[in-house]
C-alpha cells in the first residue's frame, strides 16, 4: 500500500480499535466519550485537549466512538452539518 493512501473503512468496522476485556474499561470509555462529545459540541477546545492528554494507556483515541460508531474526528468534522442521506 502506498504510504500516502489510507484504506477505506466503515465507521462500524471492527478493524482498528483494541478489544476490551472488561465492563469497567467499557464504562470508562463511554464516560470519556460522552465528555469529549460535550466538549466538541460546546467548542471547549482546551477541555477536550486536557481530556485526551489524560487518556489511560489502555484506551486509545480511536476507541472513543459514539453509539453510531463515529469517532471524535467524525463528530468534530461534521458537527454543524445535517445528514446528507437518510
C-alpha atoms as a PDB file:
ATOM      1  CA  UNK A   1       0.000   0.000   0.000  1.00  0.00           C
ATOM      2  CA  UNK A   2       1.278   3.453  -0.842  1.00  0.00           C
ATOM      3  CA  UNK A   3       2.137   5.332   2.357  1.00  0.00           C
ATOM      4  CA  UNK A   4       0.114   8.335   1.150  1.00  0.00           C
ATOM      5  CA  UNK A   5      -3.106   6.366   0.783  1.00  0.00           C
ATOM      6  CA  UNK A   6      -5.319   5.085   3.551  1.00  0.00           C
ATOM      7  CA  UNK A   7      -7.596   2.052   3.488  1.00  0.00           C
ATOM      8  CA  UNK A   8     -11.309   2.801   3.366  1.00  0.00           C
ATOM      9  CA  UNK A   9     -13.155   1.602   6.434  1.00  0.00           C
ATOM     10  CA  UNK A  10     -16.696   1.854   7.668  1.00  0.00           C
ATOM     11  CA  UNK A  11     -17.126   3.723  10.974  1.00  0.00           C
ATOM     12  CA  UNK A  12     -18.561   0.470  12.339  1.00  0.00           C
ATOM     13  CA  UNK A  13     -15.596  -1.587  11.186  1.00  0.00           C
ATOM     14  CA  UNK A  14     -14.189  -3.975  13.760  1.00  0.00           C
ATOM     15  CA  UNK A  15     -10.657  -3.346  12.488  1.00  0.00           C
ATOM     16  CA  UNK A  16      -8.544  -0.917  14.417  1.00  0.00           C
ATOM     17  CA  UNK A  17      -9.672  -0.360  17.985  1.00  0.00           C
ATOM     18  CA  UNK A  18      -8.347  -2.542  20.751  1.00  0.00           C
ATOM     19  CA  UNK A  19     -10.628  -5.247  22.042  1.00  0.00           C
ATOM     20  CA  UNK A  20     -11.797  -4.618  25.568  1.00  0.00           C
ATOM     21  CA  UNK A  21     -11.557  -7.213  28.278  1.00  0.00           C
ATOM     22  CA  UNK A  22     -13.746  -5.765  30.998  1.00  0.00           C
ATOM     23  CA  UNK A  23     -17.007  -3.939  31.520  1.00  0.00           C
ATOM     24  CA  UNK A  24     -15.122  -1.488  33.744  1.00  0.00           C
ATOM     25  CA  UNK A  25     -12.971  -0.345  30.815  1.00  0.00           C
ATOM     26  CA  UNK A  26     -16.024  -0.132  28.532  1.00  0.00           C
ATOM     27  CA  UNK A  27     -17.811   2.085  31.056  1.00  0.00           C
ATOM     28  CA  UNK A  28     -14.732   4.290  31.330  1.00  0.00           C
ATOM     29  CA  UNK A  29     -14.563   4.579  27.514  1.00  0.00           C
ATOM     30  CA  UNK A  30     -18.256   5.534  27.366  1.00  0.00           C
ATOM     31  CA  UNK A  31     -17.827   8.196  30.066  1.00  0.00           C
ATOM     32  CA  UNK A  32     -14.762   9.695  28.378  1.00  0.00           C
ATOM     33  CA  UNK A  33     -16.530   9.663  25.004  1.00  0.00           C
ATOM     34  CA  UNK A  34     -19.575  11.462  26.466  1.00  0.00           C
ATOM     35  CA  UNK A  35     -17.372  14.180  27.939  1.00  0.00           C
ATOM     36  CA  UNK A  36     -15.423  14.574  24.689  1.00  0.00           C
ATOM     37  CA  UNK A  37     -18.612  14.826  22.623  1.00  0.00           C
ATOM     38  CA  UNK A  38     -19.868  17.528  25.008  1.00  0.00           C
ATOM     39  CA  UNK A  39     -16.580  19.426  24.628  1.00  0.00           C
ATOM     40  CA  UNK A  40     -16.799  19.173  20.832  1.00  0.00           C
ATOM     41  CA  UNK A  41     -20.430  20.333  20.841  1.00  0.00           C
ATOM     42  CA  UNK A  42     -19.617  23.314  23.062  1.00  0.00           C
ATOM     43  CA  UNK A  43     -16.334  24.223  21.300  1.00  0.00           C
ATOM     44  CA  UNK A  44     -14.432  23.635  24.544  1.00  0.00           C
ATOM     45  CA  UNK A  45     -11.085  23.016  22.881  1.00  0.00           C
ATOM     46  CA  UNK A  46      -8.909  23.202  25.998  1.00  0.00           C
ATOM     47  CA  UNK A  47     -11.127  20.800  27.958  1.00  0.00           C
ATOM     48  CA  UNK A  48     -11.069  18.371  25.020  1.00  0.00           C
ATOM     49  CA  UNK A  49      -7.274  18.593  24.771  1.00  0.00           C
ATOM     50  CA  UNK A  50      -6.932  18.037  28.528  1.00  0.00           C
ATOM     51  CA  UNK A  51      -9.250  15.007  28.404  1.00  0.00           C
ATOM     52  CA  UNK A  52      -7.344  13.441  25.520  1.00  0.00           C
ATOM     53  CA  UNK A  53      -3.969  14.135  27.156  1.00  0.00           C
ATOM     54  CA  UNK A  54      -5.184  12.310  30.270  1.00  0.00           C
ATOM     55  CA  UNK A  55      -6.324   9.135  28.460  1.00  0.00           C
ATOM     56  CA  UNK A  56      -5.208   5.977  30.268  1.00  0.00           C
ATOM     57  CA  UNK A  57      -2.599   3.875  28.460  1.00  0.00           C
ATOM     58  CA  UNK A  58      -5.126   1.117  27.763  1.00  0.00           C
ATOM     59  CA  UNK A  59      -7.567   3.458  25.965  1.00  0.00           C
ATOM     60  CA  UNK A  60      -6.681   4.938  22.588  1.00  0.00           C
ATOM     61  CA  UNK A  61      -8.292   7.924  20.911  1.00  0.00           C
ATOM     62  CA  UNK A  62      -9.589   5.543  18.232  1.00  0.00           C
ATOM     63  CA  UNK A  63     -11.523   3.651  20.939  1.00  0.00           C
ATOM     64  CA  UNK A  64     -13.715   6.698  21.614  1.00  0.00           C
ATOM     65  CA  UNK A  65     -16.819   6.222  19.457  1.00  0.00           C
ATOM     66  CA  UNK A  66     -20.476   7.065  19.844  1.00  0.00           C
ATOM     67  CA  UNK A  67     -23.302   4.540  19.539  1.00  0.00           C
ATOM     68  CA  UNK A  68     -23.294   5.006  15.738  1.00  0.00           C
ATOM     69  CA  UNK A  69     -19.607   4.063  15.565  1.00  0.00           C
ATOM     70  CA  UNK A  70     -18.471   7.604  14.774  1.00  0.00           C
ATOM     71  CA  UNK A  71     -15.105   8.684  16.130  1.00  0.00           C
ATOM     72  CA  UNK A  72     -14.335  12.049  17.699  1.00  0.00           C
ATOM     73  CA  UNK A  73     -12.811  13.115  14.381  1.00  0.00           C
ATOM     74  CA  UNK A  74     -16.103  12.375  12.614  1.00  0.00           C
ATOM     75  CA  UNK A  75     -18.030  14.315  15.220  1.00  0.00           C
ATOM     76  CA  UNK A  76     -15.697  17.317  15.132  1.00  0.00           C
ATOM     77  CA  UNK A  77     -15.616  17.397  11.340  1.00  0.00           C
ATOM     78  CA  UNK A  78     -19.354  17.124  10.786  1.00  0.00           C
ATOM     79  CA  UNK A  79     -20.529  18.861  13.968  1.00  0.00           C
ATOM     80  CA  UNK A  80     -22.623  21.600  12.348  1.00  0.00           C
ATOM     81  CA  UNK A  81     -23.758  19.723   9.259  1.00  0.00           C
ATOM     82  CA  UNK A  82     -27.004  17.914   8.647  1.00  0.00           C
ATOM     83  CA  UNK A  83     -27.222  14.362   7.363  1.00  0.00           C
ATOM     84  CA  UNK A  84     -26.716  14.071   3.634  1.00  0.00           C
ATOM     85  CA  UNK A  85     -28.675  10.819   3.432  1.00  0.00           C
ATOM     86  CA  UNK A  86     -31.380   9.144   5.496  1.00  0.00           C
END
